[in-house]
Amino acid sequence: MSKIMATETPSVNIIGNGTDINGNIKSNGDLRIDGFIKGTIQATGKVVVGSTGRVEGEISCQNADISGDVKAHIKVTELLSLKANAVVSGDILTNKLAIEPGAVFTGACKMGNHASTNEKPEQPTEAKA
C-alpha cells in the first residue's frame, strides 16, 4: 500500500467590503482586498485590490492587480497591473508594469529584475534653480 502525498496549495484570503484592518498581514498564498487595510502586506502569491479596496502602507508580493485606491510603497517581483479605475499614490518597484487607460499613478517607478531584492524605490529629489 502506497501513501499518497497531497501537495499543498496556497490559500486564498479575502478581506471583504466593509472590513477595516489596522495592522500587518503576512500570507503564504494569494490575497484579495475589497475592504480597507492600513499596514504592511506581504504575500508570496498574488495581491488583488478590488474596485472597493483601499490600502495604506506597503505591499510586497509576487504579482498584483490593482483596481482600487492604494497609497503605498509597492514591491512586486513579477507583474504589477494597474486596472482602468485604479488610483495609486506611492513608489513602485516591479519587474513588469501594465497600466490600463484610465488608471491614475502618482509616484516614482523603478522597473527591472532588481525587484526581487530587498531594495526600496528611491525617493524623488526636488530640483532647485
Protein backbone atom coordinates (compact mmCIF):
# COMPACT_ATOMS: atom_id res chain seq x y z
CA MET A 1 0.00 0.00 0.00
CA SER A 2 1.49 3.33 -1.03
CA LYS A 3 1.00 6.67 0.59
CA ILE A 4 -0.50 9.45 -1.49
CA MET A 5 1.31 12.71 -0.87
CA ALA A 6 -1.03 15.68 -1.01
CA THR A 7 0.51 18.77 -2.49
CA GLU A 8 -0.03 21.95 -0.54
CA THR A 9 -1.97 24.56 -2.43
CA PRO A 10 -1.55 28.16 -1.34
CA SER A 11 -4.55 29.65 0.37
CA VAL A 12 -6.67 32.49 -0.98
CA ASN A 13 -7.55 35.08 1.64
CA ILE A 14 -10.35 37.61 1.14
CA ILE A 15 -10.80 40.89 3.01
CA GLY A 16 -14.41 41.74 2.23
CA ASN A 17 -16.04 45.09 1.55
CA GLY A 18 -16.91 46.75 4.86
CA THR A 19 -13.94 45.18 6.68
CA ASP A 20 -11.27 47.52 8.09
CA ILE A 21 -7.92 46.20 9.28
CA ASN A 22 -5.21 48.21 11.03
CA GLY A 23 -2.08 46.06 11.20
CA ASN A 24 0.29 43.92 9.19
CA ILE A 25 -0.73 40.94 7.07
CA LYS A 26 1.60 38.12 6.02
CA SER A 27 0.22 35.44 3.71
CA ASN A 28 1.74 32.32 2.16
CA GLY A 29 -0.83 32.48 -0.61
CA ASP A 30 -2.98 34.93 -2.53
CA LEU A 31 -4.85 37.87 -1.03
CA ARG A 32 -7.90 39.75 -2.32
CA ILE A 33 -8.77 43.07 -0.71
CA ASP A 34 -12.23 44.58 -1.14
CA GLY A 35 -12.17 46.33 2.26
CA PHE A 36 -9.61 48.66 3.88
CA ILE A 37 -6.13 47.78 5.17
CA LYS A 38 -3.76 50.19 6.88
CA GLY A 39 -0.39 48.50 7.36
CA THR A 40 2.11 46.24 5.64
CA ILE A 41 1.00 43.44 3.32
CA GLN A 42 3.44 40.62 2.48
CA ALA A 43 2.23 37.79 0.26
CA THR A 44 4.10 35.02 -1.53
CA GLY A 45 1.41 34.93 -4.22
CA LYS A 46 -0.84 37.48 -5.88
CA VAL A 47 -2.43 40.51 -4.23
CA VAL A 48 -5.65 41.81 -5.80
CA VAL A 49 -7.08 45.13 -4.67
CA GLY A 50 -10.67 45.20 -5.91
CA SER A 51 -12.55 48.33 -7.01
CA THR A 52 -13.87 48.88 -3.45
CA GLY A 53 -10.50 48.03 -1.88
CA ARG A 54 -8.24 50.57 -0.19
CA VAL A 55 -4.70 50.11 1.10
CA GLU A 56 -2.44 52.50 3.02
CA GLY A 57 1.08 51.36 3.87
CA GLU A 58 3.28 48.89 1.98
CA ILE A 59 2.59 45.98 -0.38
CA SER A 60 5.14 43.28 -1.17
CA CYS A 61 4.17 40.30 -3.34
CA GLN A 62 4.88 38.21 -6.44
CA ASN A 63 2.09 39.62 -8.69
CA ALA A 64 -0.56 42.29 -8.14
CA ASP A 65 -3.73 43.57 -9.82
CA ILE A 66 -4.94 46.92 -8.53
CA SER A 67 -8.40 48.33 -9.26
CA GLY A 68 -8.96 50.32 -6.06
CA ASP A 69 -7.31 53.13 -4.12
CA VAL A 70 -3.75 52.47 -2.94
CA LYS A 71 -1.49 54.85 -1.01
CA ALA A 72 1.53 52.64 -0.51
CA HIS A 73 5.04 51.69 -1.47
CA ILE A 74 4.57 48.70 -3.79
CA LYS A 75 7.16 46.00 -4.45
CA VAL A 76 6.18 43.29 -6.96
CA THR A 77 8.73 40.70 -8.07
CA GLU A 78 6.92 39.82 -11.32
CA LEU A 79 3.93 41.71 -12.83
CA LEU A 80 2.02 44.69 -11.46
CA SER A 81 -1.21 45.57 -13.31
CA LEU A 82 -2.98 48.86 -12.71
CA LYS A 83 -6.55 48.46 -13.93
CA ALA A 84 -8.62 51.27 -15.50
CA ASN A 85 -10.17 52.52 -12.24
CA ALA A 86 -7.00 52.20 -10.10
CA VAL A 87 -5.75 55.23 -8.16
CA VAL A 88 -2.20 54.63 -6.91
CA SER A 89 -0.12 57.09 -4.93
CA GLY A 90 3.31 55.87 -3.88
CA ASP A 91 6.54 54.48 -5.22
CA ILE A 92 6.65 51.27 -7.25
CA LEU A 93 9.43 48.71 -7.60
CA THR A 94 8.50 45.96 -10.06
CA ASN A 95 9.86 43.70 -12.76
CA LYS A 96 7.00 44.40 -15.23
CA LEU A 97 4.26 47.04 -15.20
CA ALA A 98 0.97 47.18 -17.13
CA ILE A 99 -1.19 50.31 -16.89
CA GLU A 100 -4.65 50.39 -18.46
CA PRO A 101 -6.03 53.67 -19.84
CA GLY A 102 -7.88 55.50 -17.07
CA ALA A 103 -5.61 54.38 -14.25
CA VAL A 104 -4.03 57.15 -12.16
CA PHE A 105 -0.47 56.76 -10.82
CA THR A 106 1.44 59.36 -8.81
CA GLY A 107 4.94 58.49 -7.64
CA ALA A 108 8.24 57.06 -8.79
CA CYS A 109 8.61 53.74 -10.58
CA LYS A 110 11.68 51.57 -10.94
CA MET A 111 11.45 48.51 -13.19
CA GLY A 112 13.65 45.51 -13.90
CA ASN A 113 14.96 42.33 -12.30
CA HIS A 114 16.13 44.20 -9.19
CA ALA A 115 12.55 43.95 -7.87
CA SER A 116 13.37 40.54 -6.40
CA THR A 117 15.87 42.12 -3.98
CA ASN A 118 15.07 43.90 -0.75
CA GLU A 119 15.64 47.26 -2.42
CA LYS A 120 13.11 50.03 -1.84
CA PRO A 121 12.20 52.56 -4.52
CA GLU A 122 14.33 55.69 -4.43
CA GLN A 123 12.61 58.83 -3.22
CA PRO A 124 12.39 61.50 -5.92
CA THR A 125 14.58 64.52 -5.28
CA GLU A 126 13.50 68.10 -5.86
CA ALA A 127 15.42 70.18 -8.35
CA LYS A 128 16.22 73.70 -7.21
CA ALA A 129 17.02 76.56 -9.55
